């Protein structure tokens, strides 16, 4: 079959099971957009290329499939970089397709020419500059395989315009037989040592990370925790691995972790870490974090083993099968006194939501109450609101919590929520954002209304860059440098201009009524909630502190 390079790209996307792409056209990618005109693919035109890549990211996180975004050369391609970095650090499978100047113009400082493969080398699993149209099918298929295999991540394919226009002979993909899993002696030995360590432990805890979600191993992690009676804590990216209502679930651990969760990790003698990279936000002081503990680390990525925290026992591979085998082999030791102590810590550190004022923890609990029993996906931007959401939202299923963890990318929330809503039309996506991050990509409200995507955006408006201000209050002698908004923005009016109903609320009753109305509407909505500028996220571990050393904010 004779096709142009652009037509071959479309064929390959359909062949890979892609049904939706997010993008923004321009000069050097126009041949591909011309091919999209007659294709079965749904194209979501975002307001900005950053919106396209974050939307593809949100789509991938919720659907479990590879997200796809498209941009032109030069500024179009560079506008994808932040989103690629966010996906790379959170292990999200993406394929980004960029236009490029014709081959003969490469290296000549041509109009809208940048070396995007060089720029993105450190924030992609792999990238390709395609100089031969005949290789397009091979490279696209390889890009998808790289994006989804092992530890997932983004791949970029750069297509010069003349390569998109050239003719090639297209052959359908051959279906390769699945290779049987190879078992080695090291894994057997590690399983034996892990089993022995579990039996000997008196104070074990399980830490679940984003790898559990990406590896679709939540069920297996839950079964291991239940068999061994393990208290379970989560990193920011692992929320949803166990339901928030599970009796063994202690919640978030790390810098803004729950007191009971952090104390349990600090006092443990055995840590079973599943799909966690032990980032600095999780461990606090990395020298004191491992003291007195044995670490069993399960991860698909060998490079994560021992990178931040030394592991005594490493189980490397697909998490589901490893957890299943560990569950079959392991038996708990005498942990009854430990579990009683953990239960007491949890009982001592419950949250009081009945303050009578409109504040972030109460809002998170009210959203959870309203969404209970309904299909819902939560997305956040980055900042104080993100931590409040992680602490207080009831996240009850894997793939229903979207946030930028590794990169901490402000502006992620709204476009990611957009992509999530496309991926899950039967669910309601609720975005929790701060006023600072929402301003960065807020024009994607236009995209919501253009495609009638019923995202409910809750903006916690404290009229400042909340987390920056919090650090300035606690650690910089209350010198609020560039953290207070120079003027207020009427988010309800802004939403209306974009075609989205908006409402500003200042009391709990007003919020309850506004959220219920937004849910009933069946369309996109914005609720701007006035909260105190002085409100801070607690608990909090200070920089360089141990995981159980909380900042005194009185």
Protein backbone atom coordinates (compact mmCIF):
# COMPACT_ATOMS: atom_id res chain seq x y z
CA UNK A 1 0.00 0.00 0.00
CA UNK A 2 1.45 3.36 -1.08
CA UNK A 3 1.03 6.12 1.48
CA UNK A 4 2.62 9.42 2.37
CA UNK A 5 4.64 9.54 5.55
CA UNK A 6 1.84 11.49 7.24
CA UNK A 7 -0.76 8.92 6.20
CA UNK A 8 1.51 6.18 7.54
CA UNK A 9 1.64 7.95 10.90
CA UNK A 10 -2.15 7.93 11.06
CA UNK A 11 -2.24 4.24 10.07
CA UNK A 12 0.23 3.40 12.81
CA UNK A 13 -1.70 5.35 15.43
CA UNK A 14 -4.90 3.51 14.58
CA UNK A 15 -2.99 0.23 14.51
CA UNK A 16 -1.74 0.94 18.06
CA UNK A 17 -5.29 1.39 19.31
CA UNK A 18 -5.18 5.18 19.52
CA UNK A 19 -8.60 6.84 19.25
CA UNK A 20 -7.85 10.36 20.54
CA UNK A 21 -4.94 12.75 20.06
CA UNK A 22 -4.35 16.19 21.57
CA UNK A 23 -2.53 18.88 19.69
CA UNK A 24 -2.01 22.22 18.04
CA UNK A 25 -1.13 22.62 14.35
CA UNK A 26 1.55 24.72 12.65
CA UNK A 27 3.58 24.97 9.49
CA UNK A 28 5.90 21.98 9.72
CA UNK A 29 3.25 19.53 10.97
CA UNK A 30 0.56 20.48 8.45
CA UNK A 31 0.98 17.35 6.28
CA UNK A 32 0.07 15.24 9.30
CA UNK A 33 -2.91 17.46 10.09
CA UNK A 34 -4.04 17.10 6.50
CA UNK A 35 -3.92 13.32 6.93
CA UNK A 36 -5.89 13.57 10.18
CA UNK A 37 -8.73 15.26 8.29
CA UNK A 38 -9.89 11.96 6.77
CA UNK A 39 -8.89 9.73 9.68
CA UNK A 40 -11.06 8.07 12.36
CA UNK A 41 -8.97 9.69 15.10
CA UNK A 42 -10.57 12.25 17.37
CA UNK A 43 -8.44 15.37 17.63
CA UNK A 44 -8.77 17.67 20.65
CA UNK A 45 -7.50 21.15 19.79
CA UNK A 46 -6.14 22.70 22.97
CA UNK A 47 -5.39 26.38 23.54
CA UNK A 48 -1.66 25.78 24.00
CA UNK A 49 0.79 22.95 23.32
CA UNK A 50 1.48 22.62 27.05
CA UNK A 51 -2.23 21.96 27.43
CA UNK A 52 -1.99 19.22 24.79
CA UNK A 53 0.83 17.32 26.46
CA UNK A 54 -0.70 17.55 29.95
CA UNK A 55 -4.05 16.44 28.50
CA UNK A 56 -2.39 13.44 26.86
CA UNK A 57 -0.75 12.74 30.22
CA UNK A 58 -4.10 12.84 32.06
CA UNK A 59 -5.65 10.65 29.37
CA UNK A 60 -2.88 8.07 29.78
CA UNK A 61 -3.05 8.01 33.58
CA UNK A 62 -6.78 7.33 33.60
CA UNK A 63 -7.09 5.05 30.57
CA UNK A 64 -3.93 3.00 31.13
CA UNK A 65 -3.12 3.51 27.44
CA UNK A 66 -0.44 5.54 25.69
CA UNK A 67 -1.36 9.21 25.43
CA UNK A 68 -0.58 11.01 22.16
CA UNK A 69 0.07 14.71 21.53
CA UNK A 70 1.09 16.59 18.39
CA UNK A 71 2.84 19.92 17.90
CA UNK A 72 4.68 21.78 15.18
CA UNK A 73 8.38 22.60 15.15
CA UNK A 74 10.19 25.32 17.08
CA UNK A 75 7.99 26.93 19.74
CA UNK A 76 5.34 24.26 19.31
CA UNK A 77 7.84 21.55 20.16
CA UNK A 78 9.50 23.46 22.99
CA UNK A 79 6.10 24.13 24.57
CA UNK A 80 5.83 20.35 25.08
CA UNK A 81 9.02 20.10 27.14
CA UNK A 82 7.53 20.81 30.57
CA UNK A 83 4.79 18.26 30.01
CA UNK A 84 7.26 15.65 28.79
CA UNK A 85 9.34 16.19 31.92
CA UNK A 86 6.25 15.79 34.10
CA UNK A 87 5.36 12.53 32.36
CA UNK A 88 8.95 11.29 32.52
CA UNK A 89 9.29 11.84 36.26
CA UNK A 90 5.88 10.26 36.96
CA UNK A 91 6.42 7.32 34.56
CA UNK A 92 3.48 8.10 32.24
CA UNK A 93 3.42 6.51 28.74
CA UNK A 94 3.23 9.20 26.05
CA UNK A 95 4.15 9.52 22.39
CA UNK A 96 4.75 13.12 21.29
CA UNK A 97 4.88 13.76 17.54
CA UNK A 98 6.50 17.00 16.41
CA UNK A 99 6.96 18.61 13.03
CA UNK A 100 10.42 19.62 11.89
CA UNK A 101 11.88 21.68 9.05
CA UNK A 102 12.73 19.72 5.88
CA UNK A 103 15.90 17.64 6.02
CA UNK A 104 17.83 19.97 3.73
CA UNK A 105 17.14 22.90 6.07
CA UNK A 106 18.32 21.21 9.26
CA UNK A 107 21.21 22.96 10.97
CA UNK A 108 20.72 26.22 9.07
CA UNK A 109 18.87 28.18 11.78
CA UNK A 110 15.77 27.87 9.63
CA UNK A 111 12.49 29.48 10.65
CA UNK A 112 11.05 27.65 13.67
CA UNK A 113 13.90 25.14 13.74
CA UNK A 114 15.10 23.77 17.06
CA UNK A 115 16.94 20.59 17.91
CA UNK A 116 14.02 19.13 19.84
CA UNK A 117 15.59 15.68 20.11
CA UNK A 118 18.62 17.25 21.77
CA UNK A 119 16.46 19.40 24.03
CA UNK A 120 14.29 16.49 25.21
CA UNK A 121 16.99 13.84 25.56
CA UNK A 122 16.98 14.05 29.36
CA UNK A 123 13.17 14.09 29.76
CA UNK A 124 12.16 11.23 27.45
CA UNK A 125 12.78 7.50 27.54
CA UNK A 126 13.90 7.80 23.92
CA UNK A 127 13.46 10.12 20.98
CA UNK A 128 13.76 9.84 17.20
CA UNK A 129 14.50 12.20 14.32
CA UNK A 130 13.08 10.40 11.28
CA UNK A 131 15.02 11.09 8.08
CA UNK A 132 13.67 8.25 5.96
CA UNK A 133 9.91 7.98 5.38
CA UNK A 134 10.18 4.21 4.90
CA UNK A 135 11.14 3.90 8.57
CA UNK A 136 8.06 5.71 9.91
CA UNK A 137 6.02 2.54 10.64
CA UNK A 138 8.98 0.82 12.30
CA UNK A 139 9.81 3.84 14.43
CA UNK A 140 6.22 4.62 15.46
CA UNK A 141 5.66 1.01 16.54
CA UNK A 142 8.92 1.05 18.46
CA UNK A 143 8.00 4.36 20.09
CA UNK A 144 4.78 2.88 21.46
CA UNK A 145 6.58 -0.24 22.64
CA UNK A 146 9.18 1.83 24.48
CA UNK A 147 6.55 4.13 25.98
CA UNK A 148 4.51 1.33 27.51
CA UNK A 149 7.12 -1.32 28.32
CA UNK A 150 9.05 -1.73 31.55
CA UNK A 151 8.89 1.52 33.46
CA UNK A 152 6.58 3.61 31.25
CA UNK A 153 7.50 7.05 30.00
CA UNK A 154 7.34 9.55 27.15
CA UNK A 155 8.87 9.09 23.70
CA UNK A 156 9.22 11.87 21.10
CA UNK A 157 9.17 11.36 17.32
CA UNK A 158 10.37 14.33 15.26
CA UNK A 159 9.17 14.37 11.64
CA UNK A 160 10.65 16.73 9.02
CA UNK A 161 7.98 18.10 6.72
CA UNK A 162 9.42 16.49 3.58
CA UNK A 163 9.49 13.09 5.34
CA UNK A 164 5.78 13.52 6.10
CA UNK A 165 5.16 14.23 2.41
CA UNK A 166 7.33 11.46 0.94
CA UNK A 167 5.85 8.22 -0.38
CA UNK A 168 6.47 4.82 1.19
CA UNK A 169 5.14 1.30 0.99
CA UNK A 170 3.15 0.53 4.12
CA UNK A 171 2.92 -2.99 5.51
CA UNK A 172 0.64 -3.92 8.43
CA UNK A 173 2.40 -4.85 11.65
CA UNK A 174 3.20 -8.47 12.37
CA UNK A 175 1.94 -9.66 15.71
CA UNK A 176 4.92 -10.98 17.64
CA UNK A 177 4.38 -13.86 20.06
CA UNK A 178 4.68 -12.91 23.71
CA UNK A 179 7.94 -14.00 25.27
CA UNK A 180 7.66 -16.13 28.39
CA UNK A 181 8.92 -14.52 31.57
CA UNK A 182 12.49 -15.54 32.40
CA UNK A 183 13.10 -16.53 36.00
CA UNK A 184 16.56 -16.26 37.48
CA UNK A 185 18.19 -17.54 40.62
CA UNK A 186 18.64 -14.05 42.01
CA UNK A 187 14.89 -13.54 42.18
CA UNK A 188 14.37 -16.87 43.93
CA UNK A 189 17.05 -16.04 46.46
CA UNK A 190 15.60 -12.56 47.03
CA UNK A 191 12.15 -14.04 47.60
CA UNK A 192 13.57 -16.46 50.17
CA UNK A 193 15.36 -13.65 52.00
CA UNK A 194 12.28 -11.42 51.84
CA UNK A 195 10.13 -14.18 53.30
CA UNK A 196 12.58 -14.67 56.15
CA UNK A 197 12.76 -10.92 56.84
CA UNK A 198 8.97 -10.68 56.98
CA UNK A 199 8.71 -13.59 59.39
CA UNK A 200 11.35 -12.03 61.66
CA UNK A 201 9.84 -8.52 61.63
CA UNK A 202 7.89 -7.26 64.59
CA UNK A 203 7.10 -3.79 63.28
CA UNK A 204 6.55 -4.05 59.49
CA UNK A 205 4.99 -1.44 57.22
CA UNK A 206 4.23 -1.31 53.50
CA UNK A 207 4.95 1.85 51.47
CA UNK A 208 3.08 1.97 48.16
CA UNK A 209 4.24 4.32 45.41
CA UNK A 210 3.25 5.32 41.92
CA UNK A 211 4.72 2.12 40.49
CA UNK A 212 1.81 0.20 42.01
CA UNK A 213 -0.62 2.35 40.01
CA UNK A 214 1.41 2.31 36.77
CA UNK A 215 2.04 -1.42 37.10
CA UNK A 216 -1.66 -2.13 37.74
CA UNK A 217 -0.67 -4.04 40.86
CA UNK A 218 -3.06 -2.53 43.40
CA UNK A 219 -4.99 -5.76 43.90
CA UNK A 220 -1.81 -7.74 44.48
CA UNK A 221 -0.45 -5.14 46.92
CA UNK A 222 -3.73 -5.22 48.84
CA UNK A 223 -3.70 -9.01 49.08
CA UNK A 224 -0.16 -9.01 50.48
CA UNK A 225 -1.04 -6.32 53.02
CA UNK A 226 -4.16 -8.20 54.10
CA UNK A 227 -2.44 -11.56 54.45
CA UNK A 228 0.36 -10.10 56.56
CA UNK A 229 -1.76 -7.56 58.45
CA UNK A 230 0.52 -4.75 57.33
CA UNK A 231 -0.19 -1.10 58.03
CA UNK A 232 0.00 0.65 54.65
CA UNK A 233 1.16 4.19 53.87
CA UNK A 234 1.30 5.89 50.49
CA UNK A 235 3.53 8.31 48.68
CA UNK A 236 1.81 11.14 46.82
CA UNK A 237 1.80 9.09 43.62
CA UNK A 238 0.53 5.90 45.27
CA UNK A 239 -2.81 7.27 46.45
CA UNK A 240 -5.65 5.00 45.40
CA UNK A 241 -3.59 1.81 45.58
CA UNK A 242 -5.74 0.87 48.58
CA UNK A 243 -9.15 2.45 49.24
CA UNK A 244 -9.10 5.26 51.77
CA UNK A 245 -11.64 3.26 53.79
CA UNK A 246 -9.43 0.16 54.07
CA UNK A 247 -8.82 -0.61 57.77
CA UNK A 248 -5.06 -0.99 57.21
CA UNK A 249 -4.72 2.30 55.31
CA UNK A 250 -2.92 5.06 57.23
CA UNK A 251 -2.76 7.62 54.42
CA UNK A 252 -0.03 9.86 53.09
CA UNK A 253 3.58 9.67 54.22
CA UNK A 254 6.35 12.22 53.71
CA UNK A 255 6.75 15.97 54.10
CA UNK A 256 3.01 16.54 54.54
CA UNK A 257 2.17 13.00 55.60
CA UNK A 258 -0.33 12.08 58.26
CA UNK A 259 1.16 11.90 61.75
CA UNK A 260 0.21 8.24 62.25
CA UNK A 261 1.61 7.28 58.83
CA UNK A 262 4.95 9.00 59.41
CA UNK A 263 5.30 7.72 62.94
CA UNK A 264 4.60 4.17 61.75
CA UNK A 265 7.37 4.40 59.15
CA UNK A 266 9.76 5.97 61.66
CA UNK A 267 9.18 3.25 64.27
CA UNK A 268 9.12 0.30 61.81
CA UNK A 269 11.81 -2.37 61.74
CA UNK A 270 10.87 -3.56 58.23
CA UNK A 271 9.79 -1.44 55.24
CA UNK A 272 8.30 -3.21 52.22
CA UNK A 273 8.47 -0.53 49.53
CA UNK A 274 6.49 -1.26 46.38
CA UNK A 275 7.02 0.97 43.35
CA UNK A 276 8.43 3.89 45.33
CA UNK A 277 11.62 5.76 44.49
CA UNK A 278 12.17 7.18 48.01
CA UNK A 279 12.23 10.81 46.91
CA UNK A 280 13.36 13.49 49.32
CA UNK A 281 9.73 14.51 49.89
CA UNK A 282 9.03 10.98 51.17
CA UNK A 283 12.09 10.34 53.33
CA UNK A 284 12.95 13.64 54.97
CA UNK A 285 16.55 13.34 56.19
CA UNK A 286 17.88 10.43 54.08
CA UNK A 287 20.51 9.59 56.70
CA UNK A 288 18.04 9.16 59.54
CA UNK A 289 15.19 7.65 57.50
CA UNK A 290 16.67 4.12 57.22
CA UNK A 291 17.97 3.86 60.80
CA UNK A 292 17.05 0.56 62.45
CA UNK A 293 15.14 -0.75 59.45
CA UNK A 294 15.42 -3.53 56.90
CA UNK A 295 14.26 -2.54 53.42
CA UNK A 296 12.62 -4.84 50.88
CA UNK A 297 12.32 -2.87 47.66
CA UNK A 298 10.11 -4.04 44.76
CA UNK A 299 10.44 -2.10 41.51
CA UNK A 300 10.40 -2.67 37.78
CA UNK A 301 13.31 -0.27 37.29
CA UNK A 302 16.65 -1.67 38.44
CA UNK A 303 18.16 1.82 38.53
CA UNK A 304 15.85 2.80 41.41
CA UNK A 305 17.25 0.11 43.69
CA UNK A 306 19.60 1.74 46.19
CA UNK A 307 19.51 5.11 44.39
CA UNK A 308 18.17 7.11 47.33
CA UNK A 309 17.86 4.58 50.16
CA UNK A 310 20.00 1.45 50.37
CA UNK A 311 17.90 -1.71 50.01
CA UNK A 312 18.75 -4.92 51.82
CA UNK A 313 16.58 -7.09 49.56
CA UNK A 314 15.66 -6.16 45.98
CA UNK A 315 12.88 -7.74 43.92
CA UNK A 316 13.12 -6.40 40.38
CA UNK A 317 10.46 -6.98 37.75
CA UNK A 318 6.73 -6.72 37.08
CA UNK A 319 5.15 -5.86 40.42
CA UNK A 320 1.99 -7.95 40.06
CA UNK A 321 3.71 -11.34 39.68
CA UNK A 322 6.35 -10.48 42.29
CA UNK A 323 3.70 -9.49 44.83
CA UNK A 324 1.67 -12.60 44.07
CA UNK A 325 4.62 -14.87 44.70
CA UNK A 326 5.65 -13.02 47.83
CA UNK A 327 2.09 -13.32 49.12
CA UNK A 328 2.10 -17.07 48.49
CA UNK A 329 5.38 -17.57 50.35
CA UNK A 330 5.28 -15.04 53.20
CA UNK A 331 3.86 -15.40 56.67
CA UNK A 332 3.77 -12.72 59.34
CA UNK A 333 5.57 -12.94 62.63
CA UNK A 334 4.19 -11.72 65.95
CA UNK A 335 2.92 -8.25 65.01
CA UNK A 336 -0.16 -7.96 67.24
CA UNK A 337 1.44 -5.45 69.68
CA UNK A 338 2.67 -3.37 66.74
CA UNK A 339 -0.73 -3.23 65.07
CA UNK A 340 -2.30 -2.19 68.36
CA UNK A 341 0.20 0.65 68.69
CA UNK A 342 -0.45 1.78 65.11
CA UNK A 343 -4.21 1.77 65.73
CA UNK A 344 -3.69 3.94 68.80
CA UNK A 345 -1.59 6.45 66.86
CA UNK A 346 -4.27 6.69 64.21
CA UNK A 347 -7.00 7.22 66.82
CA UNK A 348 -4.96 10.00 68.44
CA UNK A 349 -4.50 11.90 65.17
CA UNK A 350 -7.86 12.28 63.49
CA UNK A 351 -8.87 15.44 61.63
CA UNK A 352 -11.58 17.79 62.90
CA UNK A 353 -13.51 19.16 59.94
CA UNK A 354 -16.20 20.99 61.92
CA UNK A 355 -14.67 24.44 62.18
CA UNK A 356 -17.61 26.45 60.86
CA UNK A 357 -15.44 28.31 58.36
CA UNK A 358 -14.66 27.62 54.73
CA UNK A 359 -11.26 25.98 54.68
CA UNK A 360 -9.43 23.50 52.47
CA UNK A 361 -9.65 20.33 54.61
CA UNK A 362 -13.41 20.82 55.03
CA UNK A 363 -13.81 21.40 51.27
CA UNK A 364 -11.93 18.17 50.50
CA UNK A 365 -14.15 16.24 52.90
CA UNK A 366 -17.29 17.81 51.44
CA UNK A 367 -16.22 16.92 47.88
CA UNK A 368 -15.55 13.34 49.03
CA UNK A 369 -18.95 13.15 50.74
CA UNK A 370 -20.74 14.32 47.61
CA UNK A 371 -18.75 12.03 45.29
CA UNK A 372 -19.04 8.91 47.49
CA UNK A 373 -20.38 5.95 45.53
CA UNK A 374 -20.20 7.79 42.23
CA UNK A 375 -17.63 7.31 39.45
CA UNK A 376 -15.16 10.14 40.00
CA UNK A 377 -11.59 11.07 39.10
CA UNK A 378 -9.67 13.64 41.15
CA UNK A 379 -7.03 15.86 39.57
CA UNK A 380 -4.94 18.54 41.22
CA UNK A 381 -2.56 21.26 40.28
CA UNK A 382 0.56 21.85 42.43
CA UNK A 383 0.83 23.69 45.72
CA UNK A 384 -0.91 23.85 49.08
CA UNK A 385 -4.22 22.67 47.63
CA UNK A 386 -2.43 19.57 46.27
CA UNK A 387 -1.29 18.59 49.76
CA UNK A 388 -4.69 19.30 51.30
CA UNK A 389 -6.27 17.13 48.60
CA UNK A 390 -3.76 14.32 49.19
CA UNK A 391 -4.43 14.43 52.93
CA UNK A 392 -8.20 14.74 52.93
CA UNK A 393 -9.80 13.52 49.70
CA UNK A 394 -11.21 9.99 49.78
CA UNK A 395 -9.31 8.39 46.88
CA UNK A 396 -10.73 4.88 46.64
CA UNK A 397 -9.45 3.34 43.41
CA UNK A 398 -6.27 3.26 41.33
CA UNK A 399 -6.22 5.62 38.37
CA UNK A 400 -8.60 8.08 40.02
CA UNK A 401 -5.90 10.42 41.38
CA UNK A 402 -3.91 12.64 39.01
CA UNK A 403 -1.21 14.97 40.18
CA UNK A 404 2.24 16.12 39.11
CA UNK A 405 4.50 14.46 41.64
CA UNK A 406 8.10 14.33 40.51
CA UNK A 407 8.21 17.60 38.58
CA UNK A 408 5.67 19.45 40.73
CA UNK A 409 4.45 21.32 37.66
CA UNK A 410 2.11 24.25 38.27
CA UNK A 411 -0.38 24.47 35.41
CA UNK A 412 -0.69 20.68 35.17
CA UNK A 413 -4.13 20.40 36.72
CA UNK A 414 -6.69 21.79 34.29
CA UNK A 415 -5.34 20.27 31.06
CA UNK A 416 -4.70 16.93 32.82
CA UNK A 417 -8.29 16.97 34.08
CA UNK A 418 -9.40 17.70 30.52
CA UNK A 419 -7.54 14.64 29.22
CA UNK A 420 -8.84 12.50 32.07
CA UNK A 421 -12.42 13.46 31.25
CA UNK A 422 -11.89 12.46 27.61
CA UNK A 423 -10.53 9.10 28.79
CA UNK A 424 -13.35 8.50 31.27
CA UNK A 425 -16.58 9.97 29.88
CA UNK A 426 -18.62 7.88 32.32
CA UNK A 427 -16.92 9.48 35.34
CA UNK A 428 -16.95 13.01 36.66
CA UNK A 429 -13.55 14.66 36.88
CA UNK A 430 -13.11 17.04 39.80
CA UNK A 431 -10.11 19.36 39.65
CA UNK A 432 -8.71 20.93 42.81
CA UNK A 433 -6.48 23.87 41.93
CA UNK A 434 -4.88 26.91 43.50
CA UNK A 435 -5.29 30.40 42.13
CA UNK A 436 -1.60 30.54 41.11
CA UNK A 437 -1.42 27.32 39.08
CA UNK A 438 -4.87 27.81 37.57
CA UNK A 439 -3.80 31.12 36.05
CA UNK A 440 -0.99 29.39 34.16
CA UNK A 441 -3.20 27.19 31.96
CA UNK A 442 -6.68 28.50 32.79
CA UNK A 443 -7.48 29.25 29.16
CA UNK A 444 -8.06 25.53 28.69
CA UNK A 445 -11.50 26.28 30.13
CA UNK A 446 -12.22 27.28 26.55
CA UNK A 447 -11.33 23.73 25.49
CA UNK A 448 -13.66 22.26 28.12
CA UNK A 449 -16.61 24.18 26.79
CA UNK A 450 -15.63 23.64 23.14
CA UNK A 451 -15.84 19.87 23.63
CA UNK A 452 -18.46 19.92 26.43
CA UNK A 453 -16.21 18.15 28.92
CA UNK A 454 -17.94 18.25 32.33
CA UNK A 455 -14.93 18.91 34.56
CA UNK A 456 -15.75 20.61 37.86
CA UNK A 457 -12.87 22.94 38.74
CA UNK A 458 -12.64 23.91 42.42
CA UNK A 459 -10.17 26.77 42.87
CA UNK A 460 -8.92 27.36 46.41
CA UNK A 461 -8.35 31.08 46.13
CA UNK A 462 -6.12 32.40 48.91
CA UNK A 463 -4.85 35.28 46.76
CA UNK A 464 -1.24 34.20 47.04
CA UNK A 465 1.24 31.57 45.97
CA UNK A 466 0.29 29.52 48.98
CA UNK A 467 3.16 27.09 49.36
CA UNK A 468 5.76 29.78 48.66
CA UNK A 469 4.10 32.01 51.23
CA UNK A 470 3.96 29.13 53.74
CA UNK A 471 7.70 28.54 53.46
CA UNK A 472 8.34 32.26 53.74
CA UNK A 473 6.23 32.35 56.90
CA UNK A 474 7.94 29.36 58.52
CA UNK A 475 11.52 29.59 57.28
CA UNK A 476 12.13 33.08 55.83
CA UNK A 477 11.11 35.35 58.72
CA UNK A 478 7.72 36.20 57.15
CA UNK A 479 9.37 38.13 54.31
CA UNK A 480 6.66 37.62 51.68
CA UNK A 481 8.69 38.29 48.56
CA UNK A 482 6.62 38.04 45.34
CA UNK A 483 4.19 35.55 46.86
CA UNK A 484 1.13 37.76 47.41
CA UNK A 485 -1.09 38.38 44.40
CA UNK A 486 -0.76 42.00 43.19
CA UNK A 487 -4.51 42.04 42.52
CA UNK A 488 -7.42 39.63 42.77
CA UNK A 489 -8.79 37.80 39.75
CA UNK A 490 -12.52 37.21 39.43
CA UNK A 491 -12.38 33.53 38.48
CA UNK A 492 -16.15 33.28 38.09
CA UNK A 493 -16.16 36.10 35.54
CA UNK A 494 -13.13 34.63 33.78
CA UNK A 495 -14.89 31.28 33.53
CA UNK A 496 -17.98 32.94 32.10
CA UNK A 497 -15.91 34.60 29.38
CA UNK A 498 -14.64 31.12 28.42
CA UNK A 499 -18.21 29.81 28.32
CA UNK A 500 -18.12 27.94 31.64
CA UNK A 501 -20.56 28.72 34.48
CA UNK A 502 -18.64 30.07 37.47
CA UNK A 503 -19.48 30.90 41.05
CA UNK A 504 -17.59 32.42 43.94
CA UNK A 505 -18.29 31.07 47.45
CA UNK A 506 -17.22 32.18 50.91
CA UNK A 507 -19.12 29.93 53.35
CA UNK A 508 -19.57 26.17 53.78
CA UNK A 509 -23.25 26.42 52.88
CA UNK A 510 -22.47 28.31 49.69
CA UNK A 511 -19.87 25.73 48.70
CA UNK A 512 -22.20 22.79 49.30
CA UNK A 513 -24.92 24.39 47.19
CA UNK A 514 -22.51 25.36 44.40
CA UNK A 515 -20.88 21.93 44.20
CA UNK A 516 -24.23 20.13 44.16
CA UNK A 517 -25.47 22.43 41.39
CA UNK A 518 -22.29 21.92 39.38
CA UNK A 519 -22.63 18.16 39.63
CA UNK A 520 -26.29 18.26 38.60
CA UNK A 521 -25.54 20.47 35.61
CA UNK A 522 -23.73 17.72 33.73
CA UNK A 523 -21.40 20.28 32.19
CA UNK A 524 -18.16 22.07 33.06
CA UNK A 525 -18.21 24.37 36.06
CA UNK A 526 -15.87 26.56 38.10
CA UNK A 527 -16.19 27.18 41.84
CA UNK A 528 -13.81 29.74 43.33
CA UNK A 529 -13.66 29.21 47.09
CA UNK A 530 -12.36 32.04 49.26
CA UNK A 531 -10.01 30.63 51.89
CA UNK A 532 -7.66 32.38 54.27
CA UNK A 533 -4.37 33.71 52.97
CA UNK A 534 -2.78 32.67 56.25
CA UNK A 535 -4.01 29.05 56.10
CA UNK A 536 -1.12 26.59 56.00
CA UNK A 537 -0.80 22.87 55.37
CA UNK A 538 -0.22 20.82 58.49
CA UNK A 539 1.38 18.56 59.48
CA UNK A 540 4.70 19.43 57.88
CA UNK A 541 8.27 18.20 58.16
CA UNK A 542 10.86 20.94 57.86
CA UNK A 543 13.82 20.77 55.48
CA UNK A 544 16.45 18.33 56.72
CA UNK A 545 14.20 16.99 59.48
CA UNK A 546 13.46 13.36 60.25
CA UNK A 547 10.14 11.95 59.13
CA UNK A 548 8.64 12.19 62.63
CA UNK A 549 9.86 15.74 63.37
CA UNK A 550 6.95 18.02 62.59
CA UNK A 551 7.15 21.79 62.38
CA UNK A 552 5.54 23.61 65.28
CA UNK A 553 3.22 26.11 63.59
CA UNK A 554 1.62 27.54 66.73
